[in-house]
Amino acid sequence: MNICLKYCGGCNSRYDRNKVIEQLNKKFSNINFVTNLDQDGVCDFVIVLSGCPSSCVNHKHLNGRFGKMIIRDLKDYEDLESKLEKVIKKGAAK
Protein backbone atom coordinates (compact mmCIF):
# COMPACT_ATOMS: atom_id res chain seq x y z
CA MET A 1 0.00 0.00 0.00
CA ASN A 2 1.34 3.43 -0.98
CA ILE A 3 0.68 6.39 1.28
CA CYS A 4 1.54 9.77 -0.22
CA LEU A 5 3.03 12.34 2.16
CA LYS A 6 2.69 16.05 1.56
CA TYR A 7 4.70 18.29 3.87
CA CYS A 8 4.04 21.97 4.39
CA GLY A 9 6.94 24.42 4.09
CA GLY A 10 7.57 24.29 7.84
CA CYS A 11 7.47 28.06 8.34
CA ASN A 12 5.60 27.79 11.65
CA SER A 13 5.92 24.14 12.59
CA ARG A 14 4.66 23.46 16.12
CA TYR A 15 5.50 19.76 16.28
CA ASP A 16 8.04 17.32 14.84
CA ARG A 17 6.38 16.14 11.63
CA ASN A 18 9.09 13.56 10.99
CA LYS A 19 8.35 11.97 14.36
CA VAL A 20 4.81 11.26 13.17
CA ILE A 21 6.21 9.35 10.18
CA GLU A 22 8.71 7.49 12.39
CA GLN A 23 5.84 6.35 14.63
CA LEU A 24 3.79 5.28 11.61
CA ASN A 25 6.73 3.31 10.20
CA LYS A 26 7.03 1.42 13.49
CA LYS A 27 3.33 0.62 13.70
CA PHE A 28 2.63 0.00 9.99
CA SER A 29 5.67 -1.73 8.54
CA ASN A 30 3.63 -2.88 5.51
CA ILE A 31 3.02 0.68 4.29
CA ASN A 32 5.21 2.34 1.68
CA PHE A 33 5.42 6.08 2.33
CA VAL A 34 6.09 8.14 -0.80
CA THR A 35 6.38 11.84 -1.54
CA ASN A 36 5.50 11.51 -5.23
CA LEU A 37 2.31 10.20 -6.77
CA ASP A 38 2.33 7.26 -9.17
CA GLN A 39 2.01 7.85 -12.91
CA ASP A 40 -1.79 7.96 -12.60
CA GLY A 41 -1.56 10.85 -10.13
CA VAL A 42 -3.16 8.83 -7.34
CA CYS A 43 -1.99 6.83 -4.35
CA ASP A 44 -3.91 4.72 -1.84
CA PHE A 45 -4.15 7.42 0.84
CA VAL A 46 -2.79 10.94 1.32
CA ILE A 47 -1.39 12.36 4.56
CA VAL A 48 -0.92 16.13 4.60
CA LEU A 49 1.56 17.03 7.33
CA SER A 50 0.74 20.62 8.14
CA GLY A 51 2.97 22.12 10.82
CA CYS A 52 0.31 24.35 12.34
CA PRO A 53 -3.47 24.90 12.47
CA SER A 54 -3.53 27.27 9.47
CA SER A 55 -2.75 24.35 7.12
CA CYS A 56 -1.85 26.60 4.19
CA VAL A 57 -0.09 23.89 2.16
CA ASN A 58 -1.67 23.28 -1.26
CA HIS A 59 -3.00 19.72 -1.45
CA LYS A 60 -6.15 20.03 -3.57
CA HIS A 61 -4.46 18.12 -6.43
CA LEU A 62 -3.61 15.15 -4.18
CA ASN A 63 -6.19 12.39 -4.04
CA GLY A 64 -6.05 9.02 -2.39
CA ARG A 65 -8.12 6.02 -3.44
CA PHE A 66 -9.19 5.70 0.20
CA GLY A 67 -9.14 9.39 1.11
CA LYS A 68 -6.96 12.02 2.66
CA MET A 69 -6.21 13.28 6.16
CA ILE A 70 -4.68 16.57 7.27
CA ILE A 71 -2.48 16.44 10.37
CA ARG A 72 -2.27 19.82 12.11
CA ASP A 73 -0.82 18.73 15.45
CA LEU A 74 0.11 15.64 17.44
CA LYS A 75 -3.46 15.29 18.71
CA ASP A 76 -4.44 14.21 15.19
CA TYR A 77 -2.06 11.23 15.35
CA GLU A 78 -4.48 8.83 17.08
CA ASP A 79 -7.17 9.60 14.51
CA LEU A 80 -4.63 8.97 11.76
CA GLU A 81 -3.68 5.57 13.19
CA SER A 82 -7.33 4.56 13.37
CA LYS A 83 -7.97 5.77 9.82
CA LEU A 84 -4.95 3.91 8.44
CA GLU A 85 -6.06 0.68 10.10
CA LYS A 86 -9.39 1.01 8.27
CA VAL A 87 -7.66 1.90 4.99
CA ILE A 88 -5.41 -1.16 5.24
CA LYS A 89 -8.45 -3.40 5.78
CA LYS A 90 -10.19 -1.87 2.75
CA GLY A 91 -7.06 -2.27 0.64
CA ALA A 92 -6.64 -5.89 1.70
CA ALA A 93 -10.27 -6.60 0.82
CA LYS A 94 -9.70 -5.54 -2.81
PDB file of N, CA and C in Angstrom:
ATOM      1  N   MET A   1       0.843  -1.175   0.000  1.00  0.00           N
ATOM      2  CA  MET A   1       0.000   0.000   0.000  1.00  0.00           C
ATOM      3  C   MET A   1       0.888   1.237   0.000  1.00  0.00           C
ATOM      4  N   ASN A   2       0.583   2.192  -0.892  1.00  0.00           N
ATOM      5  CA  ASN A   2       1.341   3.434  -0.984  1.00  0.00           C
ATOM      6  C   ASN A   2       0.574   4.578  -0.331  1.00  0.00           C
ATOM      7  N   ILE A   3       1.228   5.222   0.610  1.00  0.00           N
ATOM      8  CA  ILE A   3       0.677   6.391   1.280  1.00  0.00           C
ATOM      9  C   ILE A   3       1.506   7.589   0.850  1.00  0.00           C
ATOM     10  N   CYS A   4       0.848   8.572   0.251  1.00  0.00           N
ATOM     11  CA  CYS A   4       1.542   9.772  -0.221  1.00  0.00           C
ATOM     12  C   CYS A   4       1.615  10.798   0.910  1.00  0.00           C
ATOM     13  N   LEU A   5       2.803  11.313   1.149  1.00  0.00           N
ATOM     14  CA  LEU A   5       3.025  12.337   2.165  1.00  0.00           C
ATOM     15  C   LEU A   5       3.199  13.688   1.501  1.00  0.00           C
ATOM     16  N   LYS A   6       2.517  14.679   2.022  1.00  0.00           N
ATOM     17  CA  LYS A   6       2.694  16.055   1.563  1.00  0.00           C
ATOM     18  C   LYS A   6       3.044  16.891   2.789  1.00  0.00           C
ATOM     19  N   TYR A   7       4.241  17.442   2.780  1.00  0.00           N
ATOM     20  CA  TYR A   7       4.697  18.288   3.874  1.00  0.00           C
ATOM     21  C   TYR A   7       4.421  19.748   3.548  1.00  0.00           C
ATOM     22  N   CYS A   8       4.112  20.528   4.577  1.00  0.00           N
ATOM     23  CA  CYS A   8       4.039  21.971   4.392  1.00  0.00           C
ATOM     24  C   CYS A   8       5.469  22.512   4.351  1.00  0.00           C
ATOM     25  N   GLY A   9       5.614  23.804   4.170  1.00  0.00           N
ATOM     26  CA  GLY A   9       6.941  24.418   4.094  1.00  0.00           C
ATOM     27  C   GLY A   9       7.664  24.502   5.423  1.00  0.00           C
ATOM     28  N   GLY A  10       6.953  24.284   6.522  1.00  0.00           N
ATOM     29  CA  GLY A  10       7.575  24.286   7.842  1.00  0.00           C
ATOM     30  C   GLY A  10       7.861  25.668   8.404  1.00  0.00           C
ATOM     31  N   CYS A  11       7.176  26.692   7.894  1.00  0.00           N
ATOM     32  CA  CYS A  11       7.470  28.058   8.335  1.00  0.00           C
ATOM     33  C   CYS A  11       7.051  28.317   9.775  1.00  0.00           C
ATOM     34  N   ASN A  12       6.080  27.576  10.294  1.00  0.00           N
ATOM     35  CA  ASN A  12       5.596  27.795  11.654  1.00  0.00           C
ATOM     36  C   ASN A  12       5.306  26.456  12.332  1.00  0.00           C
ATOM     37  N   SER A  13       6.160  25.496  12.098  1.00  0.00           N
ATOM     38  CA  SER A  13       5.925  24.144  12.589  1.00  0.00           C
ATOM     39  C   SER A  13       5.901  24.109  14.117  1.00  0.00           C
ATOM     40  N   ARG A  14       4.838  23.518  14.660  1.00  0.00           N
ATOM     41  CA  ARG A  14       4.663  23.465  16.116  1.00  0.00           C
ATOM     42  C   ARG A  14       4.852  22.063  16.680  1.00  0.00           C
ATOM     43  N   TYR A  15       5.219  21.121  15.830  1.00  0.00           N
ATOM     44  CA  TYR A  15       5.505  19.762  16.278  1.00  0.00           C
ATOM     45  C   TYR A  15       6.476  19.131  15.292  1.00  0.00           C
ATOM     46  N   ASP A  16       7.068  18.019  15.685  1.00  0.00           N
ATOM     47  CA  ASP A  16       8.039  17.322  14.842  1.00  0.00           C
ATOM     48  C   ASP A  16       7.292  16.421  13.859  1.00  0.00           C
ATOM     49  N   ARG A  17       7.139  16.884  12.640  1.00  0.00           N
ATOM     50  CA  ARG A  17       6.384  16.139  11.629  1.00  0.00           C
ATOM     51  C   ARG A  17       7.062  14.822  11.281  1.00  0.00           C
ATOM     52  N   ASN A  18       8.373  14.807  11.282  1.00  0.00           N
ATOM     53  CA  ASN A  18       9.092  13.559  10.985  1.00  0.00           C
ATOM     54  C   ASN A  18       8.845  12.495  12.048  1.00  0.00           C
ATOM     55  N   LYS A  19       8.630  12.934  13.288  1.00  0.00           N
ATOM     56  CA  LYS A  19       8.352  11.970  14.363  1.00  0.00           C
ATOM     57  C   LYS A  19       7.041  11.218  14.091  1.00  0.00           C
ATOM     58  N   VAL A  20       6.078  11.905  13.524  1.00  0.00           N
ATOM     59  CA  VAL A  20       4.808  11.259  13.168  1.00  0.00           C
ATOM     60  C   VAL A  20       5.073  10.118  12.190  1.00  0.00           C
ATOM     61  N   ILE A  21       5.900  10.373  11.184  1.00  0.00           N
ATOM     62  CA  ILE A  21       6.209   9.352  10.184  1.00  0.00           C
ATOM     63  C   ILE A  21       7.022   8.220  10.801  1.00  0.00           C
ATOM     64  N   GLU A  22       7.943   8.543  11.699  1.00  0.00           N
ATOM     65  CA  GLU A  22       8.707   7.495  12.388  1.00  0.00           C
ATOM     66  C   GLU A  22       7.769   6.578  13.162  1.00  0.00           C
ATOM     67  N   GLN A  23       6.798   7.157  13.866  1.00  0.00           N
ATOM     68  CA  GLN A  23       5.837   6.355  14.631  1.00  0.00           C
ATOM     69  C   GLN A  23       4.991   5.487  13.695  1.00  0.00           C
ATOM     70  N   LEU A  24       4.580   6.053  12.577  1.00  0.00           N
ATOM     71  CA  LEU A  24       3.787   5.280  11.614  1.00  0.00           C
ATOM     72  C   LEU A  24       4.598   4.130  11.030  1.00  0.00           C
ATOM     73  N   ASN A  25       5.865   4.377  10.732  1.00  0.00           N
ATOM     74  CA  ASN A  25       6.732   3.314  10.201  1.00  0.00           C
ATOM     75  C   ASN A  25       6.861   2.159  11.180  1.00  0.00           C
ATOM     76  N   LYS A  26       6.928   2.469  12.472  1.00  0.00           N
ATOM     77  CA  LYS A  26       7.026   1.417  13.491  1.00  0.00           C
ATOM     78  C   LYS A  26       5.736   0.607  13.568  1.00  0.00           C
ATOM     79  N   LYS A  27       4.610   1.297  13.530  1.00  0.00           N
ATOM     80  CA  LYS A  27       3.326   0.618  13.695  1.00  0.00           C
ATOM     81  C   LYS A  27       2.860  -0.086  12.416  1.00  0.00           C
ATOM     82  N   PHE A  28       3.125   0.518  11.263  1.00  0.00           N
ATOM     83  CA  PHE A  28       2.630  -0.004   9.990  1.00  0.00           C
ATOM     84  C   PHE A  28       3.804  -0.314   9.068  1.00  0.00           C
ATOM     85  N   SER A  29       4.480  -1.393   9.328  1.00  0.00           N
ATOM     86  CA  SER A  29       5.670  -1.735   8.538  1.00  0.00           C
ATOM     87  C   SER A  29       5.319  -2.152   7.106  1.00  0.00           C
ATOM     88  N   ASN A  30       4.056  -2.449   6.850  1.00  0.00           N
ATOM     89  CA  ASN A  30       3.634  -2.883   5.515  1.00  0.00           C
ATOM     90  C   ASN A  30       3.236  -1.719   4.605  1.00  0.00           C
ATOM     91  N   ILE A  31       3.369  -0.492   5.082  1.00  0.00           N
ATOM     92  CA  ILE A  31       3.017   0.684   4.291  1.00  0.00           C
ATOM     93  C   ILE A  31       4.265   1.271   3.658  1.00  0.00           C
ATOM     94  N   ASN A  32       4.137   1.659   2.399  1.00  0.00           N
ATOM     95  CA  ASN A  32       5.208   2.336   1.681  1.00  0.00           C
ATOM     96  C   ASN A  32       4.865   3.822   1.632  1.00  0.00           C
ATOM     97  N   PHE A  33       5.649   4.641   2.328  1.00  0.00           N
ATOM     98  CA  PHE A  33       5.418   6.082   2.333  1.00  0.00           C
ATOM     99  C   PHE A  33       6.181   6.718   1.185  1.00  0.00           C
ATOM    100  N   VAL A  34       5.488   7.496   0.364  1.00  0.00           N
ATOM    101  CA  VAL A  34       6.094   8.140  -0.801  1.00  0.00           C
ATOM    102  C   VAL A  34       5.785   9.637  -0.773  1.00  0.00           C
ATOM    103  N   THR A  35       6.640  10.406  -1.432  1.00  0.00           N
ATOM    104  CA  THR A  35       6.385  11.844  -1.539  1.00  0.00           C
ATOM    105  C   THR A  35       5.976  12.237  -2.952  1.00  0.00           C
ATOM    106  N   ASN A  36       5.945  11.271  -3.856  1.00  0.00           N
ATOM    107  CA  ASN A  36       5.500  11.514  -5.233  1.00  0.00           C
ATOM    108  C   ASN A  36       4.377  10.551  -5.580  1.00  0.00           C
ATOM    109  N   LEU A  37       3.412  11.041  -6.327  1.00  0.00           N
ATOM    110  CA  LEU A  37       2.306  10.195  -6.766  1.00  0.00           C
ATOM    111  C   LEU A  37       2.763   9.245  -7.855  1.00  0.00           C
ATOM    112  N   ASP A  38       2.013   8.166  -8.064  1.00  0.00           N
ATOM    113  CA  ASP A  38       2.331   7.259  -9.168  1.00  0.00           C
ATOM    114  C   ASP A  38       1.982   7.922 -10.500  1.00  0.00           C
ATOM    115  N   GLN A  39       2.220   7.243 -11.594  1.00  0.00           N
ATOM    116  CA  GLN A  39       2.005   7.853 -12.911  1.00  0.00           C
ATOM    117  C   GLN A  39       0.551   8.223 -13.172  1.00  0.00           C
ATOM    118  N   ASP A  40      -0.377   7.615 -12.451  1.00  0.00           N
ATOM    119  CA  ASP A  40      -1.790   7.957 -12.602  1.00  0.00           C
ATOM    120  C   ASP A  40      -2.175   9.194 -11.795  1.00  0.00           C
ATOM    121  N   GLY A  41      -1.271   9.682 -10.954  1.00  0.00           N
ATOM    122  CA  GLY A  41      -1.556  10.849 -10.127  1.00  0.00           C
ATOM    123  C   GLY A  41      -2.356  10.531  -8.885  1.00  0.00           C
ATOM    124  N   VAL A  42      -2.380   9.258  -8.501  1.00  0.00           N
ATOM    125  CA  VAL A  42      -3.164   8.832  -7.341  1.00  0.00           C
ATOM    126  C   VAL A  42      -2.347   7.849  -6.516  1.00  0.00           C
ATOM    127  N   CYS A  43      -2.553   7.870  -5.211  1.00  0.00           N
ATOM    128  CA  CYS A  43      -1.987   6.832  -4.350  1.00  0.00           C
ATOM    129  C   CYS A  43      -3.130   6.289  -3.497  1.00  0.00           C
ATOM    130  N   ASP A  44      -2.841   5.350  -2.626  1.00  0.00           N
ATOM    131  CA  ASP A  44      -3.911   4.725  -1.844  1.00  0.00           C
ATOM    132  C   ASP A  44      -4.523   5.677  -0.818  1.00  0.00           C
ATOM    133  N   PHE A  45      -3.687   6.485  -0.183  1.00  0.00           N
ATOM    134  CA  PHE A  45      -4.149   7.420   0.844  1.00  0.00           C
ATOM    135  C   PHE A  45      -3.165   8.574   0.891  1.00  0.00           C
ATOM    136  N   VAL A  46      -3.643   9.754   1.240  1.00  0.00           N
ATOM    137  CA  VAL A  46      -2.791  10.943   1.323  1.00  0.00           C
ATOM    138  C   VAL A  46      -2.771  11.443   2.760  1.00  0.00           C
ATOM    139  N   ILE A  47      -1.566  11.712   3.261  1.00  0.00           N
ATOM    140  CA  ILE A  47      -1.395  12.361   4.557  1.00  0.00           C
ATOM    141  C   ILE A  47      -0.758  13.716   4.298  1.00  0.00           C
ATOM    142  N   VAL A  48      -1.447  14.773   4.712  1.00  0.00           N
ATOM    143  CA  VAL A  48      -0.919  16.129   4.597  1.00  0.00           C
ATOM    144  C   VAL A  48      -0.384  16.516   5.970  1.00  0.00           C
ATOM    145  N   LEU A  49       0.929  16.692   6.065  1.00  0.00           N
ATOM    146  CA  LEU A  49       1.564  17.034   7.334  1.00  0.00           C
ATOM    147  C   LEU A  49       1.736  18.544   7.414  1.00  0.00           C
ATOM    148  N   SER A  50       0.728  19.179   7.969  1.00  0.00           N
ATOM    149  CA  SER A  50       0.737  20.623   8.143  1.00  0.00           C
ATOM    150  C   SER A  50       1.336  20.921   9.512  1.00  0.00           C
ATOM    151  N   GLY A  51       2.266  21.848   9.572  1.00  0.00           N
ATOM    152  CA  GLY A  51       2.974  22.122  10.825  1.00  0.00           C
ATOM    153  C   GLY A  51       2.196  22.922  11.840  1.00  0.00           C
ATOM    154  N   CYS A  52       1.082  23.522  11.421  1.00  0.00           N
ATOM    155  CA  CYS A  52       0.309  24.354  12.341  1.00  0.00           C
ATOM    156  C   CYS A  52      -1.166  24.346  11.930  1.00  0.00           C
ATOM    157  N   PRO A  53      -2.028  24.933  12.752  1.00  0.00           N
ATOM    158  CA  PRO A  53      -3.469  24.902  12.468  1.00  0.00           C
ATOM    159  C   PRO A  53      -3.899  25.622  11.192  1.00  0.00           C
ATOM    160  N   SER A  54      -3.097  26.544  10.673  1.00  0.00           N
ATOM    161  CA  SER A  54      -3.526  27.271   9.471  1.00  0.00           C
ATOM    162  C   SER A  54      -3.566  26.374   8.241  1.00  0.00           C
ATOM    163  N   SER A  55      -2.743  25.354   8.200  1.00  0.00           N
ATOM    164  CA  SER A  55      -2.751  24.354   7.123  1.00  0.00           C
ATOM    165  C   SER A  55      -2.813  24.990   5.734  1.00  0.00           C
ATOM    166  N   CYS A  56      -1.839  25.843   5.450  1.00  0.00           N
ATOM    167  CA  CYS A  56      -1.854  26.600   4.190  1.00  0.00           C
ATOM    168  C   CYS A  56      -1.238  25.842   3.014  1.00  0.00           C
ATOM    169  N   VAL A  57      -0.712  24.658   3.238  1.00  0.00           N
ATOM    170  CA  VAL A  57      -0.092  23.888   2.159  1.00  0.00           C
ATOM    171  C   VAL A  57      -1.140  23.501   1.104  1.00  0.00           C
ATOM    172  N   ASN A  58      -0.764  23.618  -0.161  1.00  0.00           N
ATOM    173  CA  ASN A  58      -1.668  23.279  -1.263  1.00  0.00           C
ATOM    174  C   ASN A  58      -1.693  21.759  -1.455  1.00  0.00           C
ATOM    175  N   HIS A  59      -2.870  21.177  -1.298  1.00  0.00           N
ATOM    176  CA  HIS A  59      -3.002  19.723  -1.446  1.00  0.00           C
ATOM    177  C   HIS A  59      -4.245  19.337  -2.235  1.00  0.00           C
ATOM    178  N   LYS A  60      -4.902  20.303  -2.827  1.00  0.00           N
ATOM    179  CA  LYS A  60      -6.146  20.031  -3.566  1.00  0.00           C
ATOM    180  C   LYS A  60      -5.938  19.017  -4.694  1.00  0.00           C
ATOM    181  N   HIS A  61      -4.756  19.010  -5.300  1.00  0.00           N
ATOM    182  CA  HIS A  61      -4.460  18.116  -6.426  1.00  0.00           C
ATOM    183  C   HIS A  61      -4.124  16.693  -5.988  1.00  0.00           C
ATOM    184  N   LEU A  62      -3.969  16.474  -4.688  1.00  0.00           N
ATOM    185  CA  LEU A  62      -3.611  15.150  -4.179  1.00  0.00           C
ATOM    186  C   LEU A  62      -4.865  14.389  -3.777  1.00  0.00           C
ATOM    187  N   ASN A  63      -5.022  13.220  -4.341  1.00  0.00           N
ATOM    188  CA  ASN A  63      -6.187  12.395  -4.037  1.00  0.00           C
ATOM    189  C   ASN A  63      -5.749  10.974  -3.756  1.00  0.00           C
ATOM    190  N   GLY A  64      -6.315  10.409  -2.718  1.00  0.00           N
ATOM    191  CA  GLY A  64      -6.047   9.018  -2.393  1.00  0.00           C
ATOM    192  C   GLY A  64      -7.254   8.162  -2.720  1.00  0.00           C
ATOM    193  N   ARG A  65      -7.013   6.944  -3.142  1.00  0.00           N
ATOM    194  CA  ARG A  65      -8.124   6.024  -3.441  1.00  0.00           C
ATOM    195  C   ARG A  65      -9.039   5.840  -2.231  1.00  0.00           C
ATOM    196  N   PHE A  66      -8.427   5.896  -1.031  1.00  0.00           N
ATOM    197  CA  PHE A  66      -9.185   5.703   0.200  1.00  0.00           C
ATOM    198  C   PHE A  66      -9.269   6.980   1.023  1.00  0.00           C
ATOM    199  N   GLY A  67      -8.962   8.121   0.414  1.00  0.00           N
ATOM    200  CA  GLY A  67      -9.137   9.388   1.106  1.00  0.00           C
ATOM    201  C   GLY A  67      -7.856  10.119   1.434  1.00  0.00           C
ATOM    202  N   LYS A  68      -8.032  11.106   2.303  1.00  0.00           N
ATOM    203  CA  LYS A  68      -6.956  12.020   2.661  1.00  0.00           C
ATOM    204  C   LYS A  68      -7.179  12.473   4.099  1.00  0.00           C
ATOM    205  N   MET A  69      -6.103  12.739   4.813  1.00  0.00           N
ATOM    206  CA  MET A  69      -6.210  13.282   6.162  1.00  0.00           C
ATOM    207  C   MET A  69      -5.162  14.355   6.355  1.00  0.00           C
ATOM    208  N   ILE A  70      -5.581  15.459   6.971  1.00  0.00           N
ATOM    209  CA  ILE A  70      -4.676  16.566   7.267  1.00  0.00           C
ATOM    210  C   ILE A  70      -4.297  16.490   8.737  1.00  0.00           C
ATOM    211  N   ILE A  71      -2.993  16.468   9.005  1.00  0.00           N
ATOM    212  CA  ILE A  71      -2.479  16.437  10.371  1.00  0.00           C
ATOM    213  C   ILE A  71      -1.999  17.841  10.713  1.00  0.00           C
ATOM    214  N   ARG A  72      -2.622  18.452  11.720  1.00  0.00           N
ATOM    215  CA  ARG A  72      -2.268  19.816  12.106  1.00  0.00           C
ATOM    216  C   ARG A  72      -1.472  19.875  13.401  1.00  0.00           C
ATOM    217  N   ASP A  73      -1.580  18.816  14.199  1.00  0.00           N
ATOM    218  CA  ASP A  73      -0.819  18.732  15.448  1.00  0.00           C
ATOM    219  C   ASP A  73      -0.780  17.273  15.905  1.00  0.00           C
ATOM    220  N   LEU A  74      -0.048  17.018  16.969  1.00  0.00           N
ATOM    221  CA  LEU A  74       0.113  15.635  17.437  1.00  0.00           C
ATOM    222  C   LEU A  74      -1.194  15.010  17.913  1.00  0.00           C
ATOM    223  N   LYS A  75      -2.169  15.831  18.276  1.00  0.00           N
ATOM    224  CA  LYS A  75      -3.461  15.290  18.708  1.00  0.00           C
ATOM    225  C   LYS A  75      -4.152  14.524  17.580  1.00  0.00           C
ATOM    226  N   ASP A  76      -3.840  14.882  16.346  1.00  0.00           N
ATOM    227  CA  ASP A  76      -4.444  14.206  15.194  1.00  0.00           C
ATOM    228  C   ASP A  76      -3.857  12.817  14.950  1.00  0.00           C
ATOM    229  N   TYR A  77      -2.752  12.492  15.620  1.00  0.00           N
ATOM    230  CA  TYR A  77      -2.058  11.232  15.348  1.00  0.00           C
ATOM    231  C   TYR A  77      -2.930  10.005  15.627  1.00  0.00           C
ATOM    232  N   GLU A  78      -3.634   9.990  16.751  1.00  0.00           N
ATOM    233  CA  GLU A  78      -4.475   8.827  17.082  1.00  0.00           C
ATOM    234  C   GLU A  78      -5.558   8.612  16.027  1.00  0.00           C
ATOM    235  N   ASP A  79      -6.158   9.706  15.572  1.00  0.00           N
ATOM    236  CA  ASP A  79      -7.168   9.599  14.514  1.00  0.00           C
ATOM    237  C   ASP A  79      -6.553   9.044  13.235  1.00  0.00           C
ATOM    238  N   LEU A  80      -5.320   9.460  12.948  1.00  0.00           N
ATOM    239  CA  LEU A  80      -4.627   8.972  11.757  1.00  0.00           C
ATOM    240  C   LEU A  80      -4.372   7.473  11.855  1.00  0.00           C
ATOM    241  N   GLU A  81      -3.909   7.010  13.003  1.00  0.00           N
ATOM    242  CA  GLU A  81      -3.677   5.569  13.193  1.00  0.00           C
ATOM    243  C   GLU A  81      -4.956   4.780  12.940  1.00  0.00           C
ATOM    244  N   SER A  82      -6.037   5.244  13.526  1.00  0.00           N
ATOM    245  CA  SER A  82      -7.325   4.563  13.367  1.00  0.00           C
ATOM    246  C   SER A  82      -7.760   4.551  11.902  1.00  0.00           C
ATOM    247  N   LYS A  83      -7.605   5.678  11.233  1.00  0.00           N
ATOM    248  CA  LYS A  83      -7.974   5.774   9.818  1.00  0.00           C
ATOM    249  C   LYS A  83      -7.128   4.833   8.968  1.00  0.00           C
ATOM    250  N   LEU A  84      -5.822   4.784   9.226  1.00  0.00           N
ATOM    251  CA  LEU A  84      -4.946   3.912   8.443  1.00  0.00           C
ATOM    252  C   LEU A  84      -5.277   2.439   8.652  1.00  0.00           C
ATOM    253  N   GLU A  85      -5.652   2.059   9.861  1.00  0.00           N
ATOM    254  CA  GLU A  85      -6.059   0.676  10.103  1.00  0.00           C
ATOM    255  C   GLU A  85      -7.262   0.316   9.229  1.00  0.00           C
ATOM    256  N   LYS A  86      -8.216   1.242   9.113  1.00  0.00           N
ATOM    257  CA  LYS A  86      -9.394   1.011   8.267  1.00  0.00           C
ATOM    258  C   LYS A  86      -9.007   0.961   6.791  1.00  0.00           C
ATOM    259  N   VAL A  87      -8.112   1.855   6.387  1.00  0.00           N
ATOM    260  CA  VAL A  87      -7.665   1.899   4.991  1.00  0.00           C
ATOM    261  C   VAL A  87      -6.961   0.602   4.614  1.00  0.00           C
ATOM    262  N   ILE A  88      -6.132   0.089   5.508  1.00  0.00           N
ATOM    263  CA  ILE A  88      -5.413  -1.162   5.245  1.00  0.00           C
ATOM    264  C   ILE A  88      -6.404  -2.310   5.074  1.00  0.00           C
ATOM    265  N   LYS A  89      -7.424  -2.348   5.913  1.00  0.00           N
ATOM    266  CA  LYS A  89      -8.445  -3.396   5.780  1.00  0.00           C
ATOM    267  C   LYS A  89      -9.175  -3.288   4.450  1.00  0.00           C
ATOM    268  N   LYS A  90      -9.518  -2.065   4.050  1.00  0.00           N
ATOM    269  CA  LYS A  90     -10.187  -1.869   2.754  1.00  0.00           C
ATOM    270  C   LYS A  90      -9.285  -2.300   1.610  1.00  0.00           C
ATOM    271  N   GLY A  91      -8.021  -1.920   1.689  1.00  0.00           N
ATOM    272  CA  GLY A  91      -7.064  -2.273   0.639  1.00  0.00           C
ATOM    273  C   GLY A  91      -6.848  -3.765   0.544  1.00  0.00           C
ATOM    274  N   ALA A  92      -6.838  -4.437   1.684  1.00  0.00           N
ATOM    275  CA  ALA A  92      -6.642  -5.888   1.702  1.00  0.00           C
ATOM    276  C   ALA A  92      -7.867  -6.610   1.151  1.00  0.00           C
ATOM    277  N   ALA A  93      -9.030  -5.977   1.283  1.00  0.00           N
ATOM    278  CA  ALA A  93     -10.267  -6.602   0.816  1.00  0.00           C
ATOM    279  C   ALA A  93     -10.418  -6.517  -0.697  1.00  0.00           C
ATOM    280  N   LYS A  94      -9.608  -5.694  -1.342  1.00  0.00           N
ATOM    281  CA  LYS A  94      -9.702  -5.536  -2.807  1.00  0.00           C
ATOM    282  C   LYS A  94      -9.246  -6.772  -3.518  1.00  0.00           C
TER     283      LYS A  94
END
